[in-house]
Amino acid sequence: MQAVDAESLINQFVDVIAQWGLRVVGALAVLLIGRMAAGWGRKLTRNALERAGVDATIVPFLAGLVYFLILAFVLLAVLGLFGIPTTSIIAVLGAASLAVGLALQGTLANFASGVMLLLFRPFQIGDFIEVGGVSGVVETIGVFSTVLNTPDNVRITIPNGQVYGEPIKNFTANPNRRIDLVAGVAYDDDLQVVHDTIVSVLEEDPRVLDEPAPQVAVSELGDSSVNLVVRPWCKAEDYWALRFDLTRRMKERLEEAGCSIPFPQQDIHLIRWPQEGGDKVSIS
């Protein structure tokens, strides 16, 4: 009797393996091939869009969208192999969309923000921007996040929800930029000499644009110096190099012209109180 039971169990086990084993193997094969197909689809989409001259900002987004769509179809195909009706699953997913939306509201917000960034295009790949207190060159604009490379070569990934929800400074959107410098000179210096010296420094550098005209003007009577604003315009790509060069040359030329660049200082007066019956002594 026990031999008969063991034989029936073995037969049942063989039947289960025969019925579901091939389906499991087939499902694994479909997942593997489907993932490879999704990768190929993303690569082909990227190459096709690049050959078509589509904006580089949109290419990664569309390629990633194709990748996830192919994966979704692969998952539906795997479920079909196990005899699970996909129509009912789609209906269940539709009924559960509200709960999923609430659970993934941060992720969905990042996705929606990524779509808005691609539609309104406040910046493109290669632009130097500042957003959320972080500045760097835009490396990629993905489905859910934006990647920046900082000037010191640190890669920062920012969720698109934070990017689109914050003020965005795009330093390379316009071809020209203005440099804002401050030159402080002593109160005894001749301001006309100071003005003419700074103007000559600006005129000697070909990177300084004639239009808009640079501005040199007294802006403040400070505690230790008379401060002048120096505002030349230049090409966006010349900004940092020109800023550093002008700062150095203005100091050197002002010193050659006999002007002094003061530093903050204070006059301290000490009063020594004498012994009883004596006079007060002031020391300065």
Protein backbone atom coordinates (compact mmCIF):
# COMPACT_ATOMS: atom_id res chain seq x y z
CA MET A 1 0.00 0.00 0.00
CA GLN A 2 2.83 2.35 0.87
CA ALA A 3 4.52 1.55 -2.44
CA VAL A 4 1.35 2.49 -4.27
CA ASP A 5 1.12 5.80 -2.37
CA ALA A 6 4.76 6.61 -3.08
CA GLU A 7 4.26 5.83 -6.73
CA SER A 8 1.20 8.09 -6.90
CA LEU A 9 3.09 10.94 -5.22
CA ILE A 10 5.93 10.56 -7.68
CA ASN A 11 3.46 10.58 -10.55
CA GLN A 12 1.80 13.72 -9.18
CA PHE A 13 5.18 15.38 -8.76
CA VAL A 14 6.12 14.50 -12.33
CA ASP A 15 2.82 15.88 -13.56
CA VAL A 16 3.40 19.16 -11.68
CA ILE A 17 6.91 19.44 -13.07
CA ALA A 18 5.65 18.69 -16.56
CA GLN A 19 2.86 21.21 -16.22
CA TRP A 20 4.67 24.09 -14.52
CA GLY A 21 8.35 23.40 -15.11
CA LEU A 22 8.26 24.36 -18.76
CA ARG A 23 6.22 27.45 -17.91
CA VAL A 24 8.76 28.56 -15.31
CA VAL A 25 11.62 27.97 -17.72
CA GLY A 26 9.70 29.80 -20.43
CA ALA A 27 8.94 32.70 -18.08
CA LEU A 28 12.61 33.03 -17.15
CA ALA A 29 13.56 32.93 -20.82
CA VAL A 30 10.97 35.60 -21.65
CA LEU A 31 12.23 37.81 -18.80
CA LEU A 32 15.83 37.45 -19.93
CA ILE A 33 15.09 38.02 -23.60
CA GLY A 34 12.65 40.81 -22.74
CA ARG A 35 15.20 42.67 -20.67
CA MET A 36 17.73 42.34 -23.46
CA ALA A 37 15.11 43.57 -25.94
CA ALA A 38 14.35 46.54 -23.69
CA GLY A 39 18.03 47.44 -23.62
CA TRP A 40 18.27 47.09 -27.40
CA GLY A 41 15.11 49.17 -27.82
CA ARG A 42 16.55 51.94 -25.63
CA LYS A 43 19.81 51.91 -27.58
CA LEU A 44 18.09 51.88 -30.98
CA THR A 45 15.77 54.68 -29.91
CA ARG A 46 18.68 56.78 -28.70
CA ASN A 47 20.64 56.24 -31.94
CA ALA A 48 17.59 56.97 -34.11
CA LEU A 49 16.81 60.19 -32.26
CA GLU A 50 20.42 61.33 -32.41
CA ARG A 51 20.58 60.66 -36.16
CA ALA A 52 17.30 62.57 -36.59
CA GLY A 53 18.86 65.60 -34.87
CA VAL A 54 16.48 65.58 -31.91
CA ASP A 55 17.52 67.83 -29.03
CA ALA A 56 19.99 66.03 -26.76
CA THR A 57 17.88 67.03 -23.75
CA ILE A 58 14.92 64.91 -24.89
CA VAL A 59 16.85 61.85 -26.12
CA PRO A 60 17.56 60.20 -22.72
CA PHE A 61 13.98 60.77 -21.58
CA LEU A 62 12.38 59.14 -24.65
CA ALA A 63 14.91 56.29 -24.65
CA GLY A 64 14.14 55.56 -20.99
CA LEU A 65 10.40 55.69 -21.69
CA VAL A 66 10.77 53.06 -24.45
CA TYR A 67 12.79 50.86 -22.07
CA PHE A 68 10.09 50.85 -19.37
CA LEU A 69 7.27 50.30 -21.88
CA ILE A 70 8.97 47.20 -23.27
CA LEU A 71 9.50 45.87 -19.75
CA ALA A 72 5.80 46.38 -19.01
CA PHE A 73 4.81 44.28 -22.04
CA VAL A 74 7.32 41.61 -21.01
CA LEU A 75 5.76 41.34 -17.56
CA LEU A 76 2.31 40.98 -19.10
CA ALA A 77 3.63 38.22 -21.36
CA VAL A 78 5.11 36.36 -18.38
CA LEU A 79 1.81 36.52 -16.54
CA GLY A 80 0.07 35.14 -19.62
CA LEU A 81 2.37 32.11 -19.62
CA PHE A 82 1.01 31.13 -16.21
CA GLY A 83 -2.57 31.40 -17.40
CA ILE A 84 -3.28 34.59 -15.49
CA PRO A 85 -5.76 36.70 -17.47
CA THR A 86 -4.05 40.00 -18.17
CA THR A 87 -7.33 41.84 -18.69
CA SER A 88 -8.30 41.23 -15.10
CA ILE A 89 -4.86 42.35 -13.95
CA ILE A 90 -5.19 45.57 -15.92
CA ALA A 91 -8.58 46.13 -14.30
CA VAL A 92 -7.11 45.51 -10.85
CA LEU A 93 -4.25 47.88 -11.60
CA GLY A 94 -6.72 50.50 -12.70
CA ALA A 95 -8.71 50.09 -9.49
CA ALA A 96 -5.53 50.28 -7.42
CA SER A 97 -4.10 53.26 -9.30
CA LEU A 98 -5.30 55.69 -6.63
CA ALA A 99 -3.57 53.78 -3.84
CA VAL A 100 -0.42 53.38 -5.90
CA GLY A 101 -0.50 57.07 -6.79
CA LEU A 102 -0.69 58.02 -3.12
CA ALA A 103 2.10 55.63 -2.20
CA LEU A 104 4.33 56.81 -5.04
CA GLN A 105 3.34 60.44 -5.10
CA GLY A 106 6.98 61.54 -4.69
CA THR A 107 8.11 59.37 -7.60
CA LEU A 108 5.18 60.45 -9.76
CA ALA A 109 5.91 64.09 -8.90
CA ASN A 110 9.49 63.60 -10.07
CA PHE A 111 8.23 62.02 -13.30
CA ALA A 112 5.75 64.87 -13.92
CA SER A 113 8.48 67.43 -13.18
CA GLY A 114 10.78 65.67 -15.66
CA VAL A 115 8.09 65.98 -18.33
CA MET A 116 7.67 69.70 -17.53
CA LEU A 117 11.43 70.26 -17.71
CA LEU A 118 11.51 68.69 -21.16
CA LEU A 119 8.49 70.67 -22.35
CA PHE A 120 9.48 74.14 -21.12
CA ARG A 121 13.26 73.60 -21.38
CA PRO A 122 14.60 76.04 -18.73
CA PHE A 123 18.01 74.46 -19.35
CA GLN A 124 19.68 71.95 -21.65
CA ILE A 125 22.47 69.41 -21.39
CA GLY A 126 25.78 71.26 -21.13
CA ASP A 127 24.34 74.37 -19.45
CA PHE A 128 25.84 75.64 -16.21
CA ILE A 129 23.00 76.12 -13.74
CA GLU A 130 22.31 76.67 -10.06
CA VAL A 131 19.28 75.07 -8.44
CA GLY A 132 18.50 74.22 -4.84
CA GLY A 133 21.82 75.65 -3.66
CA VAL A 134 23.79 73.37 -6.02
CA SER A 135 25.58 74.56 -9.15
CA GLY A 136 27.14 72.56 -11.97
CA VAL A 137 27.02 71.52 -15.61
CA VAL A 138 23.93 69.55 -16.64
CA GLU A 139 25.01 66.01 -17.49
CA THR A 140 21.66 64.29 -18.04
CA ILE A 141 17.96 65.03 -17.63
CA GLY A 142 16.39 61.69 -16.75
CA VAL A 143 12.85 60.50 -16.20
CA PHE A 144 13.03 60.98 -12.44
CA SER A 145 16.20 62.97 -11.75
CA THR A 146 18.71 65.45 -13.18
CA VAL A 147 22.46 64.89 -12.91
CA LEU A 148 24.93 67.78 -12.47
CA ASN A 149 28.72 67.80 -12.52
CA THR A 150 30.07 70.47 -10.16
CA PRO A 151 33.15 72.59 -11.00
CA ASP A 152 35.23 70.38 -8.67
CA ASN A 153 34.06 67.29 -10.62
CA VAL A 154 31.53 65.93 -8.15
CA ARG A 155 28.43 64.30 -9.63
CA ILE A 156 25.18 65.32 -7.93
CA THR A 157 21.80 63.71 -8.65
CA ILE A 158 18.78 65.89 -7.87
CA PRO A 159 15.16 64.63 -8.01
CA ASN A 160 13.26 66.42 -10.76
CA GLY A 161 10.60 67.49 -8.26
CA GLN A 162 13.18 69.60 -6.44
CA VAL A 163 14.62 70.96 -9.68
CA TYR A 164 11.32 72.13 -11.14
CA GLY A 165 10.05 73.37 -7.78
CA GLU A 166 13.03 75.66 -7.12
CA PRO A 167 14.25 78.86 -8.82
CA ILE A 168 16.68 77.91 -11.58
CA LYS A 169 19.66 80.09 -12.47
CA ASN A 170 20.98 79.35 -15.97
CA PHE A 171 24.36 81.03 -16.39
CA THR A 172 24.91 79.95 -20.00
CA ALA A 173 21.46 80.62 -21.45
CA ASN A 174 22.44 84.13 -22.56
CA PRO A 175 25.55 84.76 -24.68
CA ASN A 176 26.84 87.67 -22.55
CA ARG A 177 27.34 88.12 -18.82
CA ARG A 178 28.18 91.04 -16.56
CA ILE A 179 31.05 90.86 -14.07
CA ASP A 180 30.42 92.67 -10.79
CA LEU A 181 33.60 93.79 -9.02
CA VAL A 182 34.22 96.20 -6.15
CA ALA A 183 37.41 98.27 -5.85
CA GLY A 184 38.09 99.99 -2.52
CA VAL A 185 40.54 102.91 -2.30
CA ALA A 186 41.64 105.22 0.49
CA TYR A 187 39.81 108.46 1.23
CA ASP A 188 42.97 110.43 0.40
CA ASP A 189 43.24 109.02 -3.13
CA ASP A 190 42.24 111.06 -6.18
CA LEU A 191 38.98 109.47 -7.39
CA GLN A 192 39.51 110.72 -10.95
CA VAL A 193 42.87 108.93 -11.09
CA VAL A 194 41.24 105.80 -9.69
CA HIS A 195 38.45 105.99 -12.27
CA ASP A 196 40.79 106.56 -15.21
CA THR A 197 43.12 103.75 -14.11
CA ILE A 198 40.29 101.20 -13.89
CA VAL A 199 38.85 102.32 -17.23
CA SER A 200 42.26 101.89 -18.89
CA VAL A 201 42.50 98.34 -17.50
CA LEU A 202 39.10 97.52 -19.00
CA GLU A 203 39.92 99.08 -22.37
CA GLU A 204 43.16 97.12 -22.70
CA ASP A 205 41.44 93.73 -22.43
CA PRO A 206 39.81 92.63 -25.72
CA ARG A 207 37.46 90.30 -23.85
CA VAL A 208 35.61 93.27 -22.37
CA LEU A 209 32.70 94.12 -24.65
CA ASP A 210 32.11 97.65 -25.90
CA GLU A 211 28.33 97.13 -25.81
CA PRO A 212 26.89 97.19 -23.26
CA ALA A 213 29.43 99.74 -22.06
CA PRO A 214 31.25 98.94 -18.81
CA GLN A 215 30.32 100.92 -15.73
CA VAL A 216 32.75 102.39 -13.20
CA ALA A 217 31.16 104.48 -10.45
CA VAL A 218 31.46 105.36 -6.76
CA SER A 219 28.93 103.21 -4.94
CA GLU A 220 29.65 103.56 -1.24
CA LEU A 221 31.57 105.55 1.35
CA GLY A 222 32.61 102.65 3.53
CA ASP A 223 34.08 102.57 7.02
CA SER A 224 37.64 102.20 5.76
CA SER A 225 37.47 102.89 2.02
CA VAL A 226 35.69 104.55 -0.86
CA ASN A 227 34.15 101.70 -2.85
CA LEU A 228 33.71 101.77 -6.61
CA VAL A 229 31.65 99.27 -8.60
CA VAL A 230 33.28 97.91 -11.76
CA ARG A 231 30.80 96.24 -14.13
CA PRO A 232 32.22 95.10 -17.48
CA TRP A 233 30.39 92.78 -19.89
CA CYS A 234 31.93 89.76 -21.59
CA LYS A 235 31.09 86.52 -23.38
CA ALA A 236 29.69 83.88 -21.07
CA GLU A 237 32.63 81.53 -21.73
CA ASP A 238 35.14 84.27 -20.73
CA TYR A 239 33.48 85.10 -17.40
CA TRP A 240 35.72 83.42 -14.83
CA ALA A 241 39.04 83.91 -16.59
CA LEU A 242 38.32 87.60 -17.15
CA ARG A 243 37.07 88.10 -13.60
CA PHE A 244 40.29 86.71 -12.12
CA ASP A 245 42.53 88.68 -14.52
CA LEU A 246 40.74 92.00 -13.94
CA THR A 247 40.91 91.62 -10.16
CA ARG A 248 44.67 91.13 -10.28
CA ARG A 249 45.41 93.84 -12.87
CA MET A 250 43.26 96.46 -11.14
CA LYS A 251 45.21 95.98 -7.90
CA GLU A 252 48.57 96.18 -9.67
CA ARG A 253 47.65 99.23 -11.76
CA LEU A 254 46.09 101.12 -8.86
CA GLU A 255 49.26 100.63 -6.83
CA GLU A 256 51.36 101.81 -9.79
CA ALA A 257 49.19 104.94 -9.97
CA GLY A 258 49.96 105.72 -6.33
CA CYS A 259 46.59 104.65 -5.00
CA SER A 260 46.26 102.54 -1.88
CA ILE A 261 43.89 99.72 -1.20
CA PRO A 262 42.98 100.00 2.48
CA PHE A 263 41.98 97.27 4.85
CA PRO A 264 39.52 97.57 7.74
CA GLN A 265 41.12 99.27 10.75
CA GLN A 266 40.02 100.92 13.97
CA ASP A 267 41.48 103.67 16.16
CA ILE A 268 41.48 102.66 19.82
CA HIS A 269 41.79 105.29 22.58
CA LEU A 270 42.84 104.04 26.01
CA ILE A 271 42.13 106.09 29.13
CA ARG A 272 44.16 105.39 32.28
CA TRP A 273 42.59 106.47 35.51
CA PRO A 274 45.23 107.74 38.00
CA GLN A 275 45.49 107.30 41.72
CA GLU A 276 43.22 109.40 43.93
CA GLY A 277 44.13 113.06 43.76
CA GLY A 278 45.98 112.78 40.43
CA ASP A 279 44.99 113.91 36.93
CA LYS A 280 43.33 111.68 34.30
CA VAL A 281 45.75 110.52 31.61
CA SER A 282 44.60 109.73 28.05
CA ILE A 283 46.62 107.40 25.85
CA SER A 284 45.76 107.06 22.12
